[in-house]
Amino acid sequence: QVQLVESGGGLVQPGGSLRLSCAASGIIFSLYHMGWYRQAPGKQRELVATITSSGSTNYADSVKGRSTIFRDNAKNTVYLQMNSLKPEDTAVYYCNAIRTATTYNYWGQGTQVTVSS
C-alpha cells in the first residue's frame, strides 16, 4: 500500500521559516518524481516545487528564491524548506509522487501551513 505522509506544517509569523517533510512508503522512491503542491481556500491546487528522480528541480515563480525542494532517497523522504514566508503562502500543502510513463500518481493527505501574525 502506497503512503505519502506529510509533516512539518503549522502556524508561523510572516518572515518565518518552515520545513515540510513527506515520507513515502510502498513505492520505489528513487524512481519517482516528487512534488509539492498547495491549495488555498477557494483556489485551485497549484504547483509549488518539483524534483525529478535525478534531482532536477523546478519552482513556481511565487516561491522561487524563497523555497528549496530536496530529497533523501535513503530515507524515502522529500522536503520543502520555505523561508521568508508570506500570508499568501497560507494553504494546505500536498506531497505528490509520480512515475513517468506509468499511471502511478499518488498524493498525500496534506499539511496545513498558516502564515499570520
C-alpha atoms as a PDB file:
ATOM      1  CA  GLN A   1       0.000   0.000   0.000  1.00  0.00           C
ATOM      2  CA  VAL A   2       1.357   3.363  -1.030  1.00  0.00           C
ATOM      3  CA  GLN A   3       1.509   6.086   1.602  1.00  0.00           C
ATOM      4  CA  LEU A   4       2.753   9.645   1.447  1.00  0.00           C
ATOM      5  CA  VAL A   5       2.744  11.237   4.873  1.00  0.00           C
ATOM      6  CA  GLU A   6       3.368  14.959   5.152  1.00  0.00           C
ATOM      7  CA  SER A   7       4.502  16.700   8.301  1.00  0.00           C
ATOM      8  CA  GLY A   8       6.010  19.981   9.424  1.00  0.00           C
ATOM      9  CA  GLY A   9       3.121  22.335   8.813  1.00  0.00           C
ATOM     10  CA  GLY A  10       1.866  24.789  11.365  1.00  0.00           C
ATOM     11  CA  LEU A  11       1.406  28.422  12.267  1.00  0.00           C
ATOM     12  CA  VAL A  12       4.301  30.748  11.534  1.00  0.00           C
ATOM     13  CA  GLN A  13       4.710  34.504  11.528  1.00  0.00           C
ATOM     14  CA  PRO A  14       5.397  36.411   8.318  1.00  0.00           C
ATOM     15  CA  GLY A  15       9.082  36.237   7.523  1.00  0.00           C
ATOM     16  CA  GLY A  16       9.462  32.923   9.287  1.00  0.00           C
ATOM     17  CA  SER A  17      10.525  29.534   8.001  1.00  0.00           C
ATOM     18  CA  LEU A  18       9.154  26.019   7.866  1.00  0.00           C
ATOM     19  CA  ARG A  19      10.446  22.712   6.608  1.00  0.00           C
ATOM     20  CA  LEU A  20       7.855  20.297   5.299  1.00  0.00           C
ATOM     21  CA  SER A  21       8.603  16.598   5.039  1.00  0.00           C
ATOM     22  CA  CYS A  22       6.930  13.864   3.048  1.00  0.00           C
ATOM     23  CA  ALA A  23       7.771  10.289   3.927  1.00  0.00           C
ATOM     24  CA  ALA A  24       6.917   7.748   1.261  1.00  0.00           C
ATOM     25  CA  SER A  25       6.305   4.044   1.642  1.00  0.00           C
ATOM     26  CA  GLY A  26       5.130   1.326  -0.693  1.00  0.00           C
ATOM     27  CA  ILE A  27       6.981   2.717  -3.708  1.00  0.00           C
ATOM     28  CA  ILE A  28      10.498   2.539  -5.095  1.00  0.00           C
ATOM     29  CA  PHE A  29      11.095   6.117  -4.063  1.00  0.00           C
ATOM     30  CA  SER A  30      14.183   6.730  -6.182  1.00  0.00           C
ATOM     31  CA  LEU A  31      12.203   6.082  -9.375  1.00  0.00           C
ATOM     32  CA  TYR A  32       9.609   8.737  -8.675  1.00  0.00           C
ATOM     33  CA  HIS A  33       9.456  12.409  -9.440  1.00  0.00           C
ATOM     34  CA  MET A  34       8.292  14.160  -6.298  1.00  0.00           C
ATOM     35  CA  GLY A  35       6.435  17.403  -5.906  1.00  0.00           C
ATOM     36  CA  TRP A  36       4.826  19.801  -3.507  1.00  0.00           C
ATOM     37  CA  TYR A  37       1.536  21.438  -4.347  1.00  0.00           C
ATOM     38  CA  ARG A  38      -0.709  23.722  -2.337  1.00  0.00           C
ATOM     39  CA  GLN A  39      -4.327  24.704  -2.211  1.00  0.00           C
ATOM     40  CA  ALA A  40      -5.620  27.824  -0.533  1.00  0.00           C
ATOM     41  CA  PRO A  41      -9.296  28.219   0.407  1.00  0.00           C
ATOM     42  CA  GLY A  42     -11.391  28.932  -2.666  1.00  0.00           C
ATOM     43  CA  LYS A  43      -8.485  28.385  -5.033  1.00  0.00           C
ATOM     44  CA  GLN A  44      -7.292  25.579  -7.251  1.00  0.00           C
ATOM     45  CA  ARG A  45      -4.406  23.369  -6.284  1.00  0.00           C
ATOM     46  CA  GLU A  46      -1.160  24.768  -7.664  1.00  0.00           C
ATOM     47  CA  LEU A  47       2.373  23.562  -8.098  1.00  0.00           C
ATOM     48  CA  VAL A  48       4.942  24.782  -5.594  1.00  0.00           C
ATOM     49  CA  ALA A  49       8.044  22.789  -6.484  1.00  0.00           C
ATOM     50  CA  THR A  50       9.096  19.527  -8.073  1.00  0.00           C
ATOM     51  CA  ILE A  51      12.198  17.386  -8.064  1.00  0.00           C
ATOM     52  CA  THR A  52      12.839  14.652 -10.578  1.00  0.00           C
ATOM     53  CA  SER A  53      14.231  11.231  -9.832  1.00  0.00           C
ATOM     54  CA  SER A  54      17.601  12.529 -11.000  1.00  0.00           C
ATOM     55  CA  GLY A  55      17.430  15.620  -8.791  1.00  0.00           C
ATOM     56  CA  SER A  56      16.430  18.373 -11.194  1.00  0.00           C
ATOM     57  CA  THR A  57      14.219  20.972  -9.570  1.00  0.00           C
ATOM     58  CA  ASN A  58      11.516  23.345 -10.672  1.00  0.00           C
ATOM     59  CA  TYR A  59       9.751  26.095  -8.721  1.00  0.00           C
ATOM     60  CA  ALA A  60       6.685  28.226  -9.062  1.00  0.00           C
ATOM     61  CA  ASP A  61       7.564  31.865  -9.584  1.00  0.00           C
ATOM     62  CA  SER A  62       5.734  32.726  -6.370  1.00  0.00           C
ATOM     63  CA  VAL A  63       8.199  30.749  -4.231  1.00  0.00           C
ATOM     64  CA  LYS A  64      11.363  30.911  -6.319  1.00  0.00           C
ATOM     65  CA  GLY A  65      14.262  32.172  -4.272  1.00  0.00           C
ATOM     66  CA  ARG A  66      12.431  31.523  -1.006  1.00  0.00           C
ATOM     67  CA  SER A  67      11.988  27.765  -1.140  1.00  0.00           C
ATOM     68  CA  THR A  68      14.146  24.706  -1.699  1.00  0.00           C
ATOM     69  CA  ILE A  69      12.970  21.215  -2.534  1.00  0.00           C
ATOM     70  CA  PHE A  70      15.329  18.344  -1.889  1.00  0.00           C
ATOM     71  CA  ARG A  71      15.133  14.618  -1.411  1.00  0.00           C
ATOM     72  CA  ASP A  72      16.844  11.923   0.596  1.00  0.00           C
ATOM     73  CA  ASN A  73      16.426   8.642  -1.255  1.00  0.00           C
ATOM     74  CA  ALA A  74      17.935   6.711   1.645  1.00  0.00           C
ATOM     75  CA  LYS A  75      15.088   7.944   3.847  1.00  0.00           C
ATOM     76  CA  ASN A  76      12.385   7.853   1.149  1.00  0.00           C
ATOM     77  CA  THR A  77      11.639  11.445   2.025  1.00  0.00           C
ATOM     78  CA  VAL A  78      11.220  14.693   0.142  1.00  0.00           C
ATOM     79  CA  TYR A  79      11.461  18.048   1.853  1.00  0.00           C
ATOM     80  CA  LEU A  80      10.363  21.595   1.179  1.00  0.00           C
ATOM     81  CA  GLN A  81      12.272  24.290   3.006  1.00  0.00           C
ATOM     82  CA  MET A  82      10.322  27.532   2.936  1.00  0.00           C
ATOM     83  CA  ASN A  83      11.810  30.831   4.058  1.00  0.00           C
ATOM     84  CA  SER A  84      10.574  34.410   4.189  1.00  0.00           C
ATOM     85  CA  LEU A  85       7.040  33.146   4.416  1.00  0.00           C
ATOM     86  CA  LYS A  86       4.191  35.448   3.457  1.00  0.00           C
ATOM     87  CA  PRO A  87       0.494  35.375   4.362  1.00  0.00           C
ATOM     88  CA  GLU A  88      -0.238  34.370   0.778  1.00  0.00           C
ATOM     89  CA  ASP A  89       1.695  31.155   1.365  1.00  0.00           C
ATOM     90  CA  THR A  90      -1.132  30.021   3.631  1.00  0.00           C
ATOM     91  CA  ALA A  91      -2.564  26.810   2.216  1.00  0.00           C
ATOM     92  CA  VAL A  92      -2.774  23.079   2.610  1.00  0.00           C
ATOM     93  CA  TYR A  93       0.432  21.625   1.194  1.00  0.00           C
ATOM     94  CA  TYR A  94       0.281  18.277  -0.558  1.00  0.00           C
ATOM     95  CA  CYS A  95       3.022  15.856  -1.496  1.00  0.00           C
ATOM     96  CA  ASN A  96       2.869  14.123  -4.874  1.00  0.00           C
ATOM     97  CA  ALA A  97       4.720  11.153  -6.295  1.00  0.00           C
ATOM     98  CA  ILE A  98       4.586  10.368  -9.981  1.00  0.00           C
ATOM     99  CA  ARG A  99       6.401   7.864 -12.115  1.00  0.00           C
ATOM    100  CA  THR A 100       6.613   8.881 -15.726  1.00  0.00           C
ATOM    101  CA  ALA A 101       5.443   6.536 -18.489  1.00  0.00           C
ATOM    102  CA  THR A 102       3.129   4.869 -15.989  1.00  0.00           C
ATOM    103  CA  THR A 103      -0.195   5.622 -14.370  1.00  0.00           C
ATOM    104  CA  TYR A 104       1.364   5.706 -10.925  1.00  0.00           C
ATOM    105  CA  ASN A 105       0.415   9.037  -9.366  1.00  0.00           C
ATOM    106  CA  TYR A 106      -0.040   9.359  -5.618  1.00  0.00           C
ATOM    107  CA  TRP A 107      -0.992  12.129  -3.193  1.00  0.00           C
ATOM    108  CA  GLY A 108      -0.558  12.652   0.494  1.00  0.00           C
ATOM    109  CA  GLN A 109      -3.284  13.860   2.814  1.00  0.00           C
ATOM    110  CA  GLY A 110      -1.884  17.368   3.146  1.00  0.00           C
ATOM    111  CA  THR A 111      -0.461  19.523   5.900  1.00  0.00           C
ATOM    112  CA  GLN A 112      -1.749  22.960   6.820  1.00  0.00           C
ATOM    113  CA  VAL A 113       0.579  25.941   6.660  1.00  0.00           C
ATOM    114  CA  THR A 114      -0.728  29.192   8.097  1.00  0.00           C
ATOM    115  CA  VAL A 115       1.299  32.382   7.897  1.00  0.00           C
ATOM    116  CA  SER A 116      -0.115  35.009  10.188  1.00  0.00           C
ATOM    117  CA  SER A 117       0.888  37.445  12.875  1.00  0.00           C
END
